[in-house]
Amino acid sequence: MPTSLFQYEMLPTTWFYLSSIMILATVFRFNRFFSVRNFDVASLILFTPGLLFISMGQPRTGFIWIHLTGLIFLFRLLADLVMVHRPLLDPNLTTSGVIFSIVMLIMFFIPNLLINRGEHLETARTIRLEQMLTTQALSDLRKGKPDPVMENPGYRPFYLLSRKAEEILLPSNDIQDEILSRLTASAFARSTPDFYSDGSKPFSFGAISMKFSARHDEVSAEEISAPSQRLTVEDYNRTHSSVSDEGNEPTPTLDEFFLFSFIFLAQFGVVWGLIAVGHCHFGNLKMGLAAAMIYLLLPYVNQMPGSLENTLPGMLLVLAVAIYRRPIFSGFLIGLAGSLVFYPFFLIPIWWAFYMKRGLHRFLIGLTTAVLLMLILLMFAPADYGAYPELVASMFGRHSFCLATPTGLWASLPTYYRIPIIALYLAIWLGLFLLPLQKNLAALIASSALIMLGVQFWMGNNGGLYMGWYLPLMILTFFRPNLEDHVAAVKVQEI
């Protein structure tokens, strides 16, 4: 295989170690070891082993780790709602040092996304988790299994667009075979509790839920990687990209260029939103820059950079916070995020309570406009996406509470365990709306992060992996100063 001059390949564990060191060096308070800030930094690092377990073919262990870490985040965000006095938390680096780090991280992000794919990805050891999930999902579809996109609550055309973006980032055919063979071997190697009456064991990875027999000879690696079920390098190059005459770099097609641009704008939108909130609302540009730097350093961003369904809703929510003084635009962004993946609709009561004193009508106008616009666009969806009533039902949460084919942790647990979790979530959700908590910007950010984190515990499709929905808001919660005076009656601008 040709080797690029800009071969940005790094083991996930290596990036975990390096990014953890950089995060500690940037924001850790060494003179105040037992402080809330240091606890926040440690919790941001703590969730990464769960991603590593999943990438190494141990999804059940990984999802359990992620959910346990999510519980720590949950209690921390609940505690933040009663915190008032917050000291100034400047990063340890100078402003120029933080800006330099952000620029370098962006320069690393771009080639890692563009080059680390196709024939130029020479070993499965450096594959990203996002690429592994896509490889497993496509293998599932080629074997005629149900398409999880058709059962996801949210905007079906958006999920299909996100899948197309992930497909252009696939590794070569040989790497796909190696991944599937390794995952099959790990499924038989580890000991898993039986949940089926016939003695078979559940195995779930990414968008796949597979039921393996206890006997290895009934499902072989050859069956999974059969030539008729494989995406060949020739098919990949013909349908997704062309290779330049030099033979080194893949030349993107027009569709790929559009999707790459969309991915970059989503990630950079999150970065810009974090900086804008720090500068405009926290009154500290350096704090906003540090928040953006921490976000780019997170191994989650390194492992899931090309998944639009993870990144774009988080970007919309951060931008909604950044322009909260203009309720009509914040409402439009909240409505757009909810239309795309449904779950941000749970944020409406929280933002309703915030704008109660001023701006509520404008917020509702923006929200309604976004939802109506998305409903109109659904009328032009291709017929093979489904009938219009079915698409509308999916946009408003069909299959969110009643699962058809759960994936992730719920593929190996009885789904009725979700009932008390959903009940507790709804109790917290109503409490945040009804209780007389302070309705300032700090509570708005923390409550929004809490709501988007809470849905991860009962989501049927890879719940826990959609960290991009809440991590930017949670980072803002960790970095925020005192915001008692940032209430709608004072800060929201008149028309």
Protein backbone atom coordinates (compact mmCIF):
# COMPACT_ATOMS: atom_id res chain seq x y z
CA MET A 1 0.00 0.00 0.00
CA PRO A 2 1.24 3.52 -0.71
CA THR A 3 2.42 5.55 2.19
CA SER A 4 1.55 9.21 2.58
CA LEU A 5 3.96 11.92 3.64
CA PHE A 6 1.28 12.99 6.11
CA GLN A 7 0.43 9.63 7.66
CA TYR A 8 -1.40 10.64 10.81
CA GLU A 9 -1.94 7.22 12.37
CA MET A 10 -1.91 6.82 16.13
CA LEU A 11 -3.05 4.06 18.44
CA PRO A 12 -6.18 4.99 20.44
CA THR A 13 -4.34 4.19 23.67
CA THR A 14 -1.46 6.47 22.67
CA TRP A 15 -3.83 9.38 22.05
CA PHE A 16 -5.53 8.64 25.39
CA TYR A 17 -2.23 8.95 27.27
CA LEU A 18 -1.05 12.05 25.40
CA SER A 19 -4.38 13.88 25.59
CA SER A 20 -4.75 13.08 29.30
CA ILE A 21 -1.32 14.53 30.01
CA MET A 22 -2.12 17.67 28.00
CA ILE A 23 -5.48 18.13 29.74
CA LEU A 24 -3.84 17.83 33.15
CA ALA A 25 -1.06 20.21 32.19
CA THR A 26 -3.55 22.77 30.89
CA VAL A 27 -6.25 23.00 33.57
CA PHE A 28 -5.23 20.90 36.60
CA ARG A 29 -4.72 22.91 39.81
CA PHE A 30 -1.57 21.43 41.31
CA ASN A 31 -1.60 23.83 44.29
CA ARG A 32 -5.21 22.83 45.18
CA PHE A 33 -5.23 19.09 44.69
CA PHE A 34 -8.59 18.43 46.41
CA SER A 35 -10.76 20.87 44.48
CA VAL A 36 -13.91 20.66 42.40
CA ARG A 37 -11.98 21.68 39.32
CA ASN A 38 -9.52 18.81 39.64
CA PHE A 39 -12.43 16.42 40.14
CA ASP A 40 -13.98 17.73 36.90
CA VAL A 41 -10.73 17.22 35.00
CA ALA A 42 -10.36 13.67 36.32
CA SER A 43 -13.95 12.81 35.36
CA LEU A 44 -13.37 14.00 31.77
CA ILE A 45 -10.45 11.59 31.50
CA LEU A 46 -12.25 8.75 33.26
CA PHE A 47 -14.79 7.89 30.55
CA THR A 48 -12.14 7.12 27.88
CA PRO A 49 -11.36 3.51 28.96
CA GLY A 50 -14.95 2.65 28.05
CA LEU A 51 -14.28 3.70 24.45
CA LEU A 52 -11.09 1.65 24.45
CA PHE A 53 -12.94 -1.45 25.65
CA ILE A 54 -15.43 -1.09 22.79
CA SER A 55 -12.69 -0.53 20.21
CA MET A 56 -10.91 -3.67 21.45
CA GLY A 57 -13.99 -5.85 20.90
CA GLN A 58 -15.37 -5.84 24.46
CA PRO A 59 -18.53 -3.75 23.95
CA ARG A 60 -20.44 -4.93 27.01
CA THR A 61 -17.60 -3.98 29.35
CA GLY A 62 -17.17 -0.70 27.51
CA PHE A 63 -20.83 0.29 27.72
CA ILE A 64 -20.96 -0.60 31.42
CA TRP A 65 -17.88 1.58 32.03
CA ILE A 66 -19.38 4.48 30.07
CA HIS A 67 -22.67 4.32 31.97
CA LEU A 68 -20.94 4.17 35.35
CA THR A 69 -18.89 7.22 34.39
CA GLY A 70 -22.09 8.86 33.20
CA LEU A 71 -23.50 8.46 36.72
CA ILE A 72 -20.56 10.49 38.05
CA PHE A 73 -21.32 13.19 35.48
CA LEU A 74 -25.01 13.07 36.45
CA PHE A 75 -24.39 13.74 40.14
CA ARG A 76 -21.83 16.43 39.31
CA LEU A 77 -24.32 18.29 37.10
CA LEU A 78 -27.03 18.01 39.75
CA ALA A 79 -24.62 19.47 42.31
CA ASP A 80 -23.79 22.34 39.97
CA LEU A 81 -27.40 23.53 40.11
CA VAL A 82 -26.91 24.55 43.75
CA MET A 83 -23.40 25.97 43.37
CA VAL A 84 -23.23 29.75 43.41
CA HIS A 85 -19.75 30.98 44.27
CA ARG A 86 -17.26 29.98 41.60
CA PRO A 87 -13.64 31.18 41.49
CA LEU A 88 -11.96 32.29 38.29
CA LEU A 89 -10.56 29.17 36.62
CA ASP A 90 -7.98 30.34 34.11
CA PRO A 91 -5.91 27.65 32.35
CA ASN A 92 -2.27 27.14 33.27
CA LEU A 93 -1.13 28.13 29.77
CA THR A 94 -0.98 31.67 28.47
CA THR A 95 -3.52 32.89 25.92
CA SER A 96 -1.03 32.56 23.08
CA GLY A 97 -0.15 29.04 24.24
CA VAL A 98 -3.81 27.98 24.23
CA ILE A 99 -4.38 29.49 20.76
CA PHE A 100 -1.30 27.69 19.43
CA SER A 101 -2.54 24.39 20.90
CA ILE A 102 -5.98 24.82 19.27
CA VAL A 103 -4.43 25.53 15.88
CA MET A 104 -2.18 22.47 16.16
CA LEU A 105 -5.08 20.24 17.20
CA ILE A 106 -7.13 21.42 14.22
CA MET A 107 -4.18 20.76 11.92
CA PHE A 108 -3.99 17.26 13.36
CA PHE A 109 -7.76 16.71 13.07
CA ILE A 110 -8.02 17.49 9.34
CA PRO A 111 -5.45 15.02 7.94
CA ASN A 112 -6.44 12.39 10.49
CA LEU A 113 -9.94 12.50 9.05
CA LEU A 114 -9.03 12.82 5.35
CA ILE A 115 -6.04 10.51 5.03
CA ASN A 116 -6.65 7.83 7.64
CA ARG A 117 -9.09 5.94 5.39
CA GLY A 118 -9.25 3.64 2.39
CA GLU A 119 -6.00 2.10 1.19
CA HIS A 120 -3.99 4.62 3.20
CA LEU A 121 -5.00 3.04 6.50
CA GLU A 122 -2.40 0.29 6.67
CA THR A 123 -3.21 -1.43 9.97
CA ALA A 124 -6.36 -2.12 11.97
CA ARG A 125 -4.52 -1.11 15.14
CA THR A 126 -4.98 2.58 14.30
CA ILE A 127 -8.59 2.41 13.13
CA ARG A 128 -10.98 4.84 14.77
CA LEU A 129 -14.00 3.63 16.71
CA GLU A 130 -16.28 5.42 14.26
CA GLN A 131 -14.78 3.40 11.36
CA MET A 132 -15.14 0.18 13.31
CA LEU A 133 -18.81 0.87 14.02
CA THR A 134 -19.47 1.58 10.35
CA THR A 135 -17.66 -1.58 9.23
CA GLN A 136 -19.75 -3.67 11.59
CA ALA A 137 -22.99 -1.94 10.58
CA LEU A 138 -22.39 -2.49 6.85
CA SER A 139 -21.56 -6.14 7.47
CA ASP A 140 -24.89 -6.43 9.25
CA LEU A 141 -26.81 -4.85 6.37
CA ARG A 142 -25.15 -7.04 3.73
CA LYS A 143 -26.42 -10.07 5.61
CA GLY A 144 -29.99 -8.82 5.44
CA LYS A 145 -30.39 -7.80 9.07
CA PRO A 146 -32.71 -4.91 10.08
CA ASP A 147 -31.43 -1.43 9.35
CA PRO A 148 -31.14 0.47 12.65
CA VAL A 149 -31.49 3.79 10.81
CA MET A 150 -35.09 2.87 10.00
CA GLU A 151 -35.80 2.48 13.72
CA ASN A 152 -33.90 5.48 15.10
CA PRO A 153 -36.07 8.28 16.48
CA GLY A 154 -35.32 11.44 14.57
CA TYR A 155 -34.92 12.73 11.03
CA ARG A 156 -34.36 9.72 8.79
CA PRO A 157 -32.73 11.63 5.89
CA PHE A 158 -30.22 13.07 8.37
CA TYR A 159 -29.27 9.62 9.64
CA LEU A 160 -28.78 8.40 6.08
CA LEU A 161 -26.62 11.44 5.33
CA SER A 162 -24.55 10.70 8.41
CA ARG A 163 -24.13 7.10 7.28
CA LYS A 164 -22.92 8.22 3.87
CA ALA A 165 -20.36 10.49 5.53
CA GLU A 166 -19.15 7.54 7.61
CA GLU A 167 -18.95 5.25 4.58
CA ILE A 168 -16.48 7.50 2.77
CA LEU A 169 -14.20 7.19 5.81
CA LEU A 170 -14.12 3.38 5.68
CA PRO A 171 -10.78 1.55 5.73
CA SER A 172 -9.68 -0.79 2.96
CA ASN A 173 -11.26 -4.19 2.34
CA ASP A 174 -8.39 -6.05 4.04
CA ILE A 175 -8.70 -3.94 7.17
CA GLN A 176 -12.47 -4.55 7.24
CA ASP A 177 -11.89 -8.31 7.07
CA GLU A 178 -9.36 -8.10 9.88
CA ILE A 179 -11.76 -6.12 12.05
CA LEU A 180 -14.66 -8.53 11.53
CA SER A 181 -12.47 -11.57 12.17
CA ARG A 182 -11.04 -10.03 15.34
CA LEU A 183 -14.49 -9.12 16.66
CA THR A 184 -15.80 -12.59 15.91
CA ALA A 185 -12.88 -14.17 17.74
CA SER A 186 -13.29 -11.88 20.76
CA ALA A 187 -17.01 -12.70 20.90
CA PHE A 188 -16.19 -16.39 21.43
CA ALA A 189 -13.14 -15.82 23.62
CA ARG A 190 -14.71 -13.85 26.46
CA SER A 191 -17.10 -15.21 29.03
CA THR A 192 -20.54 -13.59 28.89
CA PRO A 193 -23.63 -14.36 31.01
CA ASP A 194 -26.40 -16.23 29.21
CA PHE A 195 -29.62 -14.33 28.65
CA TYR A 196 -31.21 -16.66 26.13
CA SER A 197 -33.04 -19.85 26.96
CA ASP A 198 -31.25 -21.89 24.27
CA GLY A 199 -27.81 -21.30 25.79
CA SER A 200 -26.65 -18.82 23.17
CA LYS A 201 -24.86 -15.64 24.15
CA PRO A 202 -25.64 -12.07 23.20
CA PHE A 203 -23.07 -9.96 21.45
CA SER A 204 -23.56 -6.33 20.57
CA PHE A 205 -21.16 -4.03 18.85
CA GLY A 206 -22.07 -0.58 17.63
CA ALA A 207 -25.11 -0.72 15.38
CA ILE A 208 -25.23 -4.54 15.44
CA SER A 209 -26.91 -6.97 17.77
CA MET A 210 -25.82 -10.53 16.94
CA LYS A 211 -26.79 -13.78 18.61
CA PHE A 212 -23.88 -16.23 18.62
CA SER A 213 -24.19 -19.86 19.47
CA ALA A 214 -21.87 -21.32 22.07
CA ARG A 215 -20.35 -23.49 19.32
CA HIS A 216 -17.73 -21.77 17.20
CA ASP A 217 -18.33 -23.95 14.14
CA GLU A 218 -21.90 -22.68 13.70
CA VAL A 219 -20.77 -19.10 12.91
CA SER A 220 -17.34 -18.83 11.38
CA ALA A 221 -15.18 -15.87 10.48
CA GLU A 222 -15.34 -16.98 6.84
CA GLU A 223 -19.13 -16.58 6.84
CA ILE A 224 -18.84 -13.02 8.09
CA SER A 225 -16.10 -12.00 5.68
CA ALA A 226 -17.44 -13.90 2.63
CA PRO A 227 -16.47 -12.30 -0.71
CA SER A 228 -20.11 -11.69 -1.64
CA GLN A 229 -20.60 -9.66 1.54
CA ARG A 230 -17.47 -7.56 1.34
CA LEU A 231 -17.01 -3.99 0.24
CA THR A 232 -14.02 -4.23 -2.08
CA VAL A 233 -11.39 -1.56 -2.51
CA GLU A 234 -12.37 -1.24 -6.17
CA ASP A 235 -16.04 -0.66 -5.23
CA TYR A 236 -14.98 1.86 -2.60
CA ASN A 237 -12.79 3.82 -5.00
CA ARG A 238 -15.37 3.69 -7.78
CA THR A 239 -18.37 4.81 -5.70
CA HIS A 240 -16.75 7.14 -3.19
CA SER A 241 -13.46 8.56 -4.44
CA SER A 242 -10.80 8.44 -7.11
CA VAL A 243 -7.09 7.99 -6.53
CA SER A 244 -4.73 10.63 -7.82
CA ASP A 245 -2.12 9.87 -10.45
CA GLU A 246 0.61 10.13 -7.85
CA GLY A 247 -0.99 7.19 -6.02
CA ASN A 248 -0.59 8.74 -2.61
CA GLU A 249 -3.65 10.77 -1.68
CA PRO A 250 -7.34 9.99 -2.33
CA THR A 251 -8.98 12.70 -4.45
CA PRO A 252 -12.44 13.52 -3.04
CA THR A 253 -15.43 13.59 -5.36
CA LEU A 254 -17.91 16.46 -5.27
CA ASP A 255 -20.21 14.58 -2.88
CA GLU A 256 -17.29 13.73 -0.63
CA PHE A 257 -16.10 17.33 -0.66
CA PHE A 258 -19.56 18.45 0.47
CA LEU A 259 -19.69 15.85 3.25
CA PHE A 260 -16.15 16.62 4.42
CA SER A 261 -17.02 20.31 4.54
CA PHE A 262 -20.15 19.49 6.54
CA ILE A 263 -18.11 17.45 9.03
CA PHE A 264 -15.53 20.21 9.45
CA LEU A 265 -18.19 22.89 9.91
CA ALA A 266 -19.90 20.80 12.60
CA GLN A 267 -16.70 20.32 14.58
CA PHE A 268 -15.51 23.88 14.12
CA GLY A 269 -18.99 25.11 15.05
CA VAL A 270 -18.59 23.45 18.44
CA VAL A 271 -15.16 25.04 18.88
CA TRP A 272 -16.41 28.48 17.85
CA GLY A 273 -19.45 28.16 20.13
CA LEU A 274 -17.30 27.32 23.17
CA ILE A 275 -15.01 30.28 22.49
CA ALA A 276 -17.97 32.61 21.94
CA VAL A 277 -19.64 31.60 25.21
CA GLY A 278 -16.41 32.15 27.12
CA HIS A 279 -15.77 35.53 25.55
CA CYS A 280 -19.30 36.96 25.39
CA HIS A 281 -21.03 35.46 28.45
CA PHE A 282 -18.26 34.36 30.82
CA GLY A 283 -16.35 37.61 30.17
CA ASN A 284 -13.09 35.72 29.68
CA LEU A 285 -11.75 34.90 26.21
CA LYS A 286 -8.97 32.77 27.68
CA MET A 287 -11.53 30.61 29.47
CA GLY A 288 -13.44 30.03 26.24
CA LEU A 289 -10.26 29.12 24.41
CA ALA A 290 -9.36 26.65 27.16
CA ALA A 291 -12.81 25.04 26.91
CA ALA A 292 -12.37 24.63 23.14
CA MET A 293 -8.90 23.16 23.64
CA ILE A 294 -10.15 20.61 26.18
CA TYR A 295 -12.92 19.58 23.78
CA LEU A 296 -10.46 18.99 20.93
CA LEU A 297 -8.19 16.99 23.24
CA LEU A 298 -10.90 14.55 24.31
CA PRO A 299 -10.26 11.05 22.90
CA TYR A 300 -13.94 10.92 22.00
CA VAL A 301 -13.42 13.66 19.41
CA ASN A 302 -10.38 11.79 18.07
CA GLN A 303 -12.31 8.51 17.80
CA MET A 304 -15.67 9.78 16.47
CA PRO A 305 -14.80 12.80 14.29
CA GLY A 306 -16.83 11.88 11.18
CA SER A 307 -20.16 10.96 12.78
CA LEU A 308 -22.57 13.81 12.03
CA GLU A 309 -25.31 12.36 14.23
CA ASN A 310 -22.92 12.73 17.19
CA THR A 311 -21.47 16.15 16.37
CA LEU A 312 -24.13 18.28 14.66
CA PRO A 313 -26.78 18.23 17.44
CA GLY A 314 -24.11 19.17 19.99
CA MET A 315 -22.99 22.05 17.79
CA LEU A 316 -26.57 23.36 17.52
CA LEU A 317 -27.02 23.26 21.30
CA VAL A 318 -23.75 25.08 21.97
CA LEU A 319 -24.65 27.76 19.45
CA ALA A 320 -28.09 28.09 21.06
CA VAL A 321 -26.33 28.93 24.33
CA ALA A 322 -23.94 31.31 22.57
CA ILE A 323 -26.82 33.41 21.17
CA TYR A 324 -29.28 32.97 24.04
CA ARG A 325 -29.83 36.75 24.13
CA ARG A 326 -31.70 36.35 20.84
CA PRO A 327 -34.48 33.89 21.80
CA ILE A 328 -35.83 33.47 18.27
CA PHE A 329 -32.49 32.11 17.05
CA SER A 330 -31.96 29.91 20.12
CA GLY A 331 -35.45 28.50 19.65
CA PHE A 332 -34.73 27.80 15.99
CA LEU A 333 -31.53 25.91 16.86
CA ILE A 334 -33.22 23.89 19.61
CA GLY A 335 -36.04 23.00 17.21
CA LEU A 336 -33.56 22.02 14.51
CA ALA A 337 -31.57 19.79 16.90
CA GLY A 338 -34.76 18.14 18.17
CA SER A 339 -36.01 17.53 14.64
CA LEU A 340 -32.74 15.83 13.69
CA VAL A 341 -32.36 13.39 16.61
CA PHE A 342 -35.58 13.89 18.65
CA TYR A 343 -34.03 13.84 22.15
CA PRO A 344 -33.22 17.61 22.28
CA PHE A 345 -37.00 18.17 22.34
CA PHE A 346 -36.72 17.31 26.06
CA LEU A 347 -34.88 20.63 26.47
CA ILE A 348 -37.95 22.70 25.61
CA PRO A 349 -39.36 22.94 29.18
CA ILE A 350 -35.95 23.97 30.55
CA TRP A 351 -35.57 26.78 28.02
CA TRP A 352 -39.26 27.67 28.41
CA ALA A 353 -38.70 28.27 32.14
CA PHE A 354 -35.58 30.33 31.43
CA TYR A 355 -37.37 32.67 29.00
CA MET A 356 -40.51 32.98 31.14
CA LYS A 357 -39.64 36.51 32.26
CA ARG A 358 -38.71 37.76 28.80
CA GLY A 359 -38.41 36.31 25.31
CA LEU A 360 -40.70 33.27 25.61
CA HIS A 361 -42.87 34.16 22.60
CA ARG A 362 -39.84 34.73 20.39
CA PHE A 363 -38.32 31.44 21.55
CA LEU A 364 -41.50 29.55 20.67
CA ILE A 365 -41.70 31.27 17.27
CA GLY A 366 -38.15 30.18 16.43
CA LEU A 367 -38.80 26.65 17.71
CA THR A 368 -42.02 26.27 15.73
CA THR A 369 -40.45 27.68 12.58
CA ALA A 370 -37.63 25.11 12.68
CA VAL A 371 -40.00 22.18 13.24
CA LEU A 372 -42.37 23.28 10.44
CA LEU A 373 -39.45 23.78 8.07
CA MET A 374 -38.18 20.24 8.74
CA LEU A 375 -41.69 18.83 8.26
CA ILE A 376 -41.97 20.57 4.89
CA LEU A 377 -38.58 19.23 3.78
CA LEU A 378 -39.73 15.71 4.66
CA MET A 379 -42.33 15.97 1.89
CA PHE A 380 -39.50 15.88 -0.66
CA ALA A 381 -37.78 12.81 0.82
CA PRO A 382 -37.31 9.87 -1.61
CA ALA A 383 -40.00 7.22 -1.50
CA ASP A 384 -37.59 4.51 -0.32
CA TYR A 385 -37.06 6.48 2.91
CA GLY A 386 -40.59 5.56 3.95
CA ALA A 387 -44.09 7.00 3.80
CA TYR A 388 -44.55 10.58 4.99
CA PRO A 389 -46.57 9.66 8.14
CA GLU A 390 -43.87 7.17 9.07
CA LEU A 391 -41.14 9.80 8.64
CA VAL A 392 -43.07 12.28 10.77
CA ALA A 393 -43.64 9.66 13.48
CA SER A 394 -39.92 8.89 13.48
CA MET A 395 -39.07 12.59 13.75
CA PHE A 396 -41.25 12.91 16.86
CA GLY A 397 -39.78 9.95 18.69
CA ARG A 398 -41.19 6.72 17.36
CA HIS A 399 -39.15 3.75 18.69
CA SER A 400 -37.63 5.92 21.44
CA PHE A 401 -39.58 4.32 24.31
CA CYS A 402 -40.57 1.01 22.66
CA LEU A 403 -37.52 -0.75 21.23
CA ALA A 404 -37.64 -3.06 18.22
CA THR A 405 -33.98 -4.13 17.99
CA PRO A 406 -31.97 -2.51 20.81
CA THR A 407 -28.21 -2.16 20.48
CA GLY A 408 -25.43 -1.28 22.87
CA LEU A 409 -25.91 -2.28 26.51
CA TRP A 410 -29.63 -2.95 26.11
CA ALA A 411 -28.95 -5.70 23.57
CA SER A 412 -27.66 -7.89 26.42
CA LEU A 413 -30.04 -6.79 29.19
CA PRO A 414 -33.80 -7.23 29.56
CA THR A 415 -35.37 -4.12 28.07
CA TYR A 416 -37.95 -3.84 30.86
CA TYR A 417 -35.10 -2.66 33.10
CA ARG A 418 -35.45 0.61 31.18
CA ILE A 419 -38.84 1.32 32.78
CA PRO A 420 -37.56 2.54 36.20
CA ILE A 421 -34.72 4.41 34.48
CA ILE A 422 -37.15 6.24 32.20
CA ALA A 423 -39.42 7.00 35.17
CA LEU A 424 -36.51 8.46 37.14
CA TYR A 425 -35.38 10.47 34.12
CA LEU A 426 -38.84 11.95 33.64
CA ALA A 427 -39.02 12.81 37.36
CA ILE A 428 -35.73 14.72 37.15
CA TRP A 429 -36.86 16.33 33.89
CA LEU A 430 -40.09 17.63 35.43
CA GLY A 431 -38.27 18.69 38.60
CA LEU A 432 -35.87 20.87 36.65
CA PHE A 433 -38.87 22.60 35.08
CA LEU A 434 -41.11 22.96 38.13
CA LEU A 435 -38.77 23.42 41.09
CA PRO A 436 -37.90 27.01 42.01
CA LEU A 437 -34.25 26.74 41.03
CA GLN A 438 -32.38 29.80 39.84
CA LYS A 439 -33.29 30.39 36.20
CA ASN A 440 -29.96 31.90 35.14
CA LEU A 441 -27.52 31.01 32.40
CA ALA A 442 -25.48 28.71 34.68
CA ALA A 443 -28.56 26.63 35.51
CA LEU A 444 -29.61 26.62 31.86
CA ILE A 445 -26.28 25.19 30.69
CA ALA A 446 -26.05 22.62 33.50
CA SER A 447 -29.69 21.55 33.08
CA SER A 448 -29.31 21.18 29.31
CA ALA A 449 -26.19 19.04 29.75
CA LEU A 450 -28.01 16.99 32.41
CA ILE A 451 -31.01 16.33 30.15
CA MET A 452 -28.86 15.27 27.19
CA LEU A 453 -26.72 13.07 29.45
CA GLY A 454 -29.76 11.46 31.03
CA VAL A 455 -31.17 10.16 27.75
CA GLN A 456 -27.97 8.13 27.26
CA PHE A 457 -29.02 5.74 30.03
CA TRP A 458 -32.22 4.59 28.32
CA MET A 459 -31.52 5.13 24.62
CA GLY A 460 -32.04 1.91 22.72
CA ASN A 461 -29.46 2.58 20.00
CA ASN A 462 -25.93 2.69 21.41
CA GLY A 463 -26.92 4.75 24.43
CA GLY A 464 -23.81 6.23 26.01
CA LEU A 465 -21.87 6.75 22.78
CA TYR A 466 -23.60 10.01 21.85
CA MET A 467 -21.30 12.03 24.08
CA GLY A 468 -21.11 14.85 21.57
CA TRP A 469 -24.62 15.88 22.63
CA TYR A 470 -23.61 16.82 26.17
CA LEU A 471 -19.81 17.05 26.44
CA PRO A 472 -19.51 20.64 25.10
CA LEU A 473 -22.23 21.82 27.50
CA MET A 474 -20.65 19.92 30.37
CA ILE A 475 -17.26 21.51 29.67
CA LEU A 476 -18.93 24.93 29.81
CA THR A 477 -20.49 23.93 33.14
CA PHE A 478 -17.06 23.03 34.50
CA PHE A 479 -15.51 26.31 33.34
CA ARG A 480 -18.30 28.75 34.14
CA PRO A 481 -17.83 31.64 36.60
CA ASN A 482 -20.61 33.17 38.70
CA LEU A 483 -23.58 33.85 36.43
CA GLU A 484 -26.25 34.92 38.92
CA ASP A 485 -27.04 38.10 37.00
CA HIS A 486 -27.34 36.33 33.62
CA VAL A 487 -31.13 35.98 33.63
CA ALA A 488 -33.53 36.53 30.77
CA ALA A 489 -35.18 39.60 32.33
CA VAL A 490 -31.81 41.40 32.30
CA LYS A 491 -29.76 39.94 29.46
CA VAL A 492 -32.26 39.04 26.74
CA GLN A 493 -32.36 41.80 24.15
CA GLU A 494 -35.56 43.48 23.08
CA ILE A 495 -36.72 43.26 19.48
